[in-house]
Structure formats: structure tokens, C-alpha cells
Amino acid sequence: CYQRDQKKCILTKSGEPIKVAHIYPFSMRHEDKNVKQTVPFWRVLEMFWSKERVDAWHSAVFPHGTEVCQNLICLAPHAHAYWAQAYFALKPIRISEDKKCLEVQLFWLLQNARRPTVQVQTVPSLAALDLGPNSVKLFDNQTNQLISSGSEISLTTDDPVLRPLPDMALLEMQWFLHRIAAMSGAVEQPQDNFDDGDDDD
């Protein structure tokens, strides 16, 4: 994804140093020999979403794994840290017919204190925010504009086969799960502890 994202953060447009972030977390990867470990997680998802939707998410992860271009994005170090803590989520909007342009929206997420239970019918809130938890902010370095909730971000690629854009199904799963993690206070440690800085996809 380095080549696809031109060694720049997809959000701030800043150059190196950058980090490679996983959409589906590296820490949740499971090889075929450990496939039994994945069953509870995916079954839990089916309690809240249709089997067809969950199957689409699962198919986007396996058997390809986490170390593929469509599961990776380039982020500035501070944006990577915010991503790992679910300070924001990316909502997939549309992808062009030629698969060369993807539009997403960034939303800052309100962080709740950890709770043992959360009502199933609770809908994660999306407040109109200019900053994230702990007063963190992101700026577009090309325009000097503050990145607020609802800001649209465009990702592009010159070759959708060799350097595909992030997978829409993976982004959708992240969109739901990041909001749930923030709402429940489940994210206290970085989810993605694997630094794949040498990736050159």
C-alpha cells in the first residue's frame, strides 16, 4: 500500500514517517491451523447482522489474510495511534466503476467508559465534532483545513489489480465495529501492534 498511497497518510496527506494500518486488525488474524479460534467471533457477529453480510466480511479476510493491500492503509504515526484506539471510524461511501477511486467519510467517535453491558438497541452516536477524544485533531496538510466529522476523504490507485483500494466489505465491518468499541469502552490498548513498515504493495 506504500506505492498505492504514495508514501503519504491518506488523511493528513503528510509524507514519511508513516505507518501501515490494518483495517481488519493483525492481532485478530488466524491461520487455517487456528481456524477454530475464529468461530466464536464470527458467530457473535451473526447475532447482530445477517449471515450474508457476515459471510461477505469473512470472505474479505480469508483466505487472503491481513497482509494484503486491500486490508492496509497508510497513516501518519499519530493518526495510526488514534485509529488503533478507535478514536475515529471511516464510513465507506462509494467506489468508482473502474475501482480507481474510493470515497470515505471520517467521523470522530465519543469514547465511553468501559461498561460490562450495553443495551443491544443502543445506536452509536455520531456527533458533529471537530476533534477526537482527549482533544486530538487532524489536519489536511495540503489545505491546512481541520478534518472534522463528516469530512470526505478520497483514496486513489493507478492499478486496481496490483494495488487495489481498501475493500468495501472490510471498511464496512470496521465502520460498525469501531463505533461499537468506542461506545462500549472496549478499546483501551492498541488493537494493531504489528508494524508492517516494510510493506511495499
Foldseek 3Di string as FASTA:
>chain_A
DCVQLVQAALFQRDHPPKFKAFLPALLPWDAPVRVVVCVVVLVVVCVQDPPVLSVVLVVLDPPVHGPDLQGIGIHHPVVRVCVQQLQKAWAWDDADPVQFKTKIWIFGAAADAADPDDDPPDDQDGDFFQATPPRHWGARNVVRHTRTGGDMTMGGGPDCVRRGHHDNSSSNVSRVVSSVCRVNVVRDDGRHPDTPPVDDD
